[in-house]
Every structure is written in C-alpha cells, then in structure tokens.
C-alpha cells in the first residue's frame, strides 16, 4: 500500500510541475513587455503608418 501511495504522490508532483510550467508559458506568451502581444502591437503600428502614408499620398496627388 505504501508503494502505491508513493507512486501516486510522484504523479501528483509531476502534474503540479507541469501545471506550473504551462502557467509560466502562458504568462510569458501574453505579457505585453515581450512575446506575441508586443510583436502584434509593433506589426499593427507599422501597418497603420503605411496605410496613413498611402492615404496622404493619394489625397495630396
């Protein structure tokens, strides 16, 4: 019985470690200082500036 309890505790600890790792990865992924959100913001800014420049060029010509 004691070996089963030890094995189940080991599995429980492995699951806890995996949950912590996944939580850290998700937090890093959605952190606005770096990760995908920052990259998306930079991409949006560059596209918006290109559209604005194109519109200004069309209006002025």
N, C-alpha and C. Protein backbone atom coordinates (compact mmCIF):
# COMPACT_ATOMS: atom_id res chain seq x y z
N UNK A 1 0.82 -1.20 0.00
CA UNK A 1 0.00 0.00 0.00
C UNK A 1 0.86 1.26 0.00
N UNK A 2 1.99 1.17 0.69
CA UNK A 2 2.86 2.33 0.80
C UNK A 2 3.49 2.67 -0.55
N UNK A 3 3.82 1.68 -1.36
CA UNK A 3 4.39 1.94 -2.68
C UNK A 3 3.38 2.61 -3.60
N UNK A 4 2.12 2.22 -3.49
CA UNK A 4 1.09 2.87 -4.30
C UNK A 4 0.93 4.33 -3.92
N UNK A 5 0.99 4.60 -2.63
CA UNK A 5 0.87 5.99 -2.17
C UNK A 5 2.06 6.81 -2.65
N UNK A 6 3.24 6.24 -2.62
CA UNK A 6 4.43 6.95 -3.08
C UNK A 6 4.33 7.22 -4.58
N UNK A 7 3.88 6.24 -5.34
CA UNK A 7 3.75 6.42 -6.78
C UNK A 7 2.71 7.48 -7.10
N UNK A 8 1.60 7.47 -6.38
CA UNK A 8 0.57 8.47 -6.66
C UNK A 8 1.05 9.87 -6.28
N UNK A 9 1.84 9.98 -5.21
CA UNK A 9 2.41 11.28 -4.86
C UNK A 9 3.39 11.76 -5.92
N UNK A 10 4.18 10.86 -6.46
CA UNK A 10 5.11 11.24 -7.51
C UNK A 10 4.36 11.74 -8.74
N UNK A 11 3.30 11.06 -9.11
CA UNK A 11 2.49 11.52 -10.24
C UNK A 11 1.84 12.87 -9.94
N UNK A 12 1.39 13.05 -8.73
CA UNK A 12 0.79 14.32 -8.33
C UNK A 12 1.80 15.46 -8.44
N UNK A 13 3.02 15.23 -7.97
CA UNK A 13 4.06 16.25 -8.08
C UNK A 13 4.41 16.55 -9.54
N UNK A 14 4.44 15.52 -10.38
CA UNK A 14 4.73 15.75 -11.80
C UNK A 14 3.62 16.58 -12.45
N UNK A 15 2.39 16.31 -12.08
CA UNK A 15 1.27 17.09 -12.63
C UNK A 15 1.35 18.54 -12.16
N UNK A 16 1.68 18.74 -10.90
CA UNK A 16 1.80 20.10 -10.36
C UNK A 16 2.91 20.86 -11.09
N UNK A 17 4.04 20.21 -11.31
CA UNK A 17 5.15 20.85 -12.02
C UNK A 17 4.73 21.21 -13.45
N UNK A 18 4.02 20.33 -14.11
CA UNK A 18 3.57 20.62 -15.48
C UNK A 18 2.58 21.78 -15.50
N UNK A 19 1.70 21.86 -14.53
CA UNK A 19 0.74 22.97 -14.47
C UNK A 19 1.48 24.29 -14.25
N UNK A 20 2.50 24.28 -13.40
CA UNK A 20 3.28 25.49 -13.16
C UNK A 20 4.02 25.91 -14.43
N UNK A 21 4.61 24.96 -15.13
CA UNK A 21 5.34 25.28 -16.36
C UNK A 21 4.39 25.83 -17.41
N UNK A 22 3.22 25.24 -17.57
CA UNK A 22 2.24 25.73 -18.54
C UNK A 22 1.77 27.13 -18.15
N UNK A 23 1.53 27.35 -16.87
CA UNK A 23 1.10 28.68 -16.42
C UNK A 23 2.17 29.74 -16.70
N UNK A 24 3.42 29.39 -16.48
CA UNK A 24 4.51 30.34 -16.77
C UNK A 24 4.60 30.61 -18.27
N UNK A 25 4.43 29.60 -19.09
CA UNK A 25 4.49 29.78 -20.54
C UNK A 25 3.35 30.67 -21.01
N UNK A 26 2.16 30.45 -20.49
CA UNK A 26 1.02 31.28 -20.87
C UNK A 26 1.24 32.72 -20.42
N UNK A 27 1.74 32.89 -19.22
CA UNK A 27 2.00 34.24 -18.71
C UNK A 27 3.05 34.95 -19.58
N UNK A 28 4.10 34.25 -19.95
CA UNK A 28 5.13 34.83 -20.81
C UNK A 28 4.56 35.17 -22.18
N UNK A 29 3.71 34.30 -22.70
CA UNK A 29 3.13 34.48 -24.03
C UNK A 29 2.27 35.74 -24.09
N UNK A 30 1.51 36.02 -23.03
CA UNK A 30 0.59 37.15 -23.03
C UNK A 30 1.14 38.38 -22.34
N UNK A 31 2.39 38.36 -21.89
CA UNK A 31 2.98 39.53 -21.25
C UNK A 31 3.23 40.60 -22.29
N UNK A 32 2.69 41.82 -22.10
CA UNK A 32 2.84 42.85 -23.13
C UNK A 32 4.25 43.38 -23.30
N UNK A 33 5.14 43.13 -22.33
CA UNK A 33 6.51 43.63 -22.47
C UNK A 33 7.31 42.83 -23.48
N UNK A 34 6.92 41.58 -23.69
CA UNK A 34 7.57 40.74 -24.69
C UNK A 34 6.61 39.63 -25.05
N UNK A 35 6.90 38.94 -26.09
CA UNK A 35 6.02 37.86 -26.51
C UNK A 35 5.16 38.25 -27.70
N UNK A 36 4.12 37.53 -27.89
CA UNK A 36 3.27 37.69 -29.07
C UNK A 36 2.51 39.01 -29.06
N UNK A 37 2.05 39.45 -27.90
CA UNK A 37 1.27 40.69 -27.82
C UNK A 37 2.13 41.87 -28.27
N UNK A 38 3.38 41.93 -27.84
CA UNK A 38 4.26 43.03 -28.23
C UNK A 38 4.52 42.98 -29.73
N UNK A 39 4.77 41.80 -30.26
CA UNK A 39 5.02 41.66 -31.69
C UNK A 39 3.79 42.10 -32.50
N UNK A 40 2.61 41.73 -32.05
CA UNK A 40 1.38 42.12 -32.74
C UNK A 40 1.20 43.63 -32.71
N UNK A 41 1.51 44.25 -31.59
CA UNK A 41 1.40 45.71 -31.48
C UNK A 41 2.35 46.42 -32.43
N UNK A 42 3.58 45.94 -32.53
CA UNK A 42 4.54 46.55 -33.45
C UNK A 42 4.09 46.37 -34.89
N UNK A 43 3.59 45.21 -35.22
CA UNK A 43 3.10 44.94 -36.57
C UNK A 43 1.92 45.85 -36.90
N UNK A 44 1.00 46.03 -35.97
CA UNK A 44 -0.15 46.89 -36.19
C UNK A 44 0.30 48.34 -36.40
N UNK A 45 1.26 48.81 -35.60
CA UNK A 45 1.75 50.18 -35.74
C UNK A 45 2.37 50.41 -37.11
N UNK A 46 3.17 49.45 -37.58
CA UNK A 46 3.82 49.63 -38.87
C UNK A 46 2.80 49.60 -40.02
N UNK A 47 1.82 48.73 -39.93
CA UNK A 47 0.79 48.66 -40.97
C UNK A 47 -0.06 49.93 -40.97
N UNK A 48 -0.42 50.43 -39.80
CA UNK A 48 -1.20 51.66 -39.72
C UNK A 48 -0.44 52.85 -40.30
N UNK A 49 0.85 52.92 -40.02
CA UNK A 49 1.63 54.04 -40.56
C UNK A 49 1.75 53.94 -42.08
N UNK A 50 1.89 52.73 -42.62
CA UNK A 50 1.94 52.57 -44.07
C UNK A 50 0.62 52.96 -44.72
N UNK A 51 -0.49 52.58 -44.09
CA UNK A 51 -1.80 52.95 -44.63
C UNK A 51 -1.99 54.46 -44.58
N UNK A 52 -1.60 55.09 -43.49
CA UNK A 52 -1.71 56.54 -43.36
C UNK A 52 -0.88 57.26 -44.42
N UNK A 53 0.33 56.78 -44.64
CA UNK A 53 1.19 57.41 -45.65
C UNK A 53 0.60 57.23 -47.05
N UNK A 54 0.07 56.08 -47.32
CA UNK A 54 -0.55 55.84 -48.63
C UNK A 54 -1.76 56.73 -48.84
N UNK A 55 -2.57 56.88 -47.83
CA UNK A 55 -3.75 57.75 -47.94
C UNK A 55 -3.35 59.21 -48.13
N UNK A 56 -2.35 59.66 -47.38
CA UNK A 56 -1.88 61.04 -47.53
C UNK A 56 -1.32 61.28 -48.94
N UNK A 57 -0.58 60.30 -49.47
CA UNK A 57 -0.04 60.44 -50.81
C UNK A 57 -1.16 60.53 -51.85
N UNK A 58 -2.20 59.73 -51.68
CA UNK A 58 -3.33 59.75 -52.63
C UNK A 58 -4.10 61.06 -52.53
N UNK A 59 -4.27 61.57 -51.32
CA UNK A 59 -5.00 62.83 -51.14
C UNK A 59 -4.21 64.00 -51.71
N UNK A 60 -2.90 64.02 -51.51
CA UNK A 60 -2.06 65.12 -51.96
C UNK A 60 -1.80 65.09 -53.46
N UNK A 61 -1.95 63.96 -54.09
CA UNK A 61 -1.68 63.88 -55.55
C UNK A 61 -2.89 64.14 -56.36
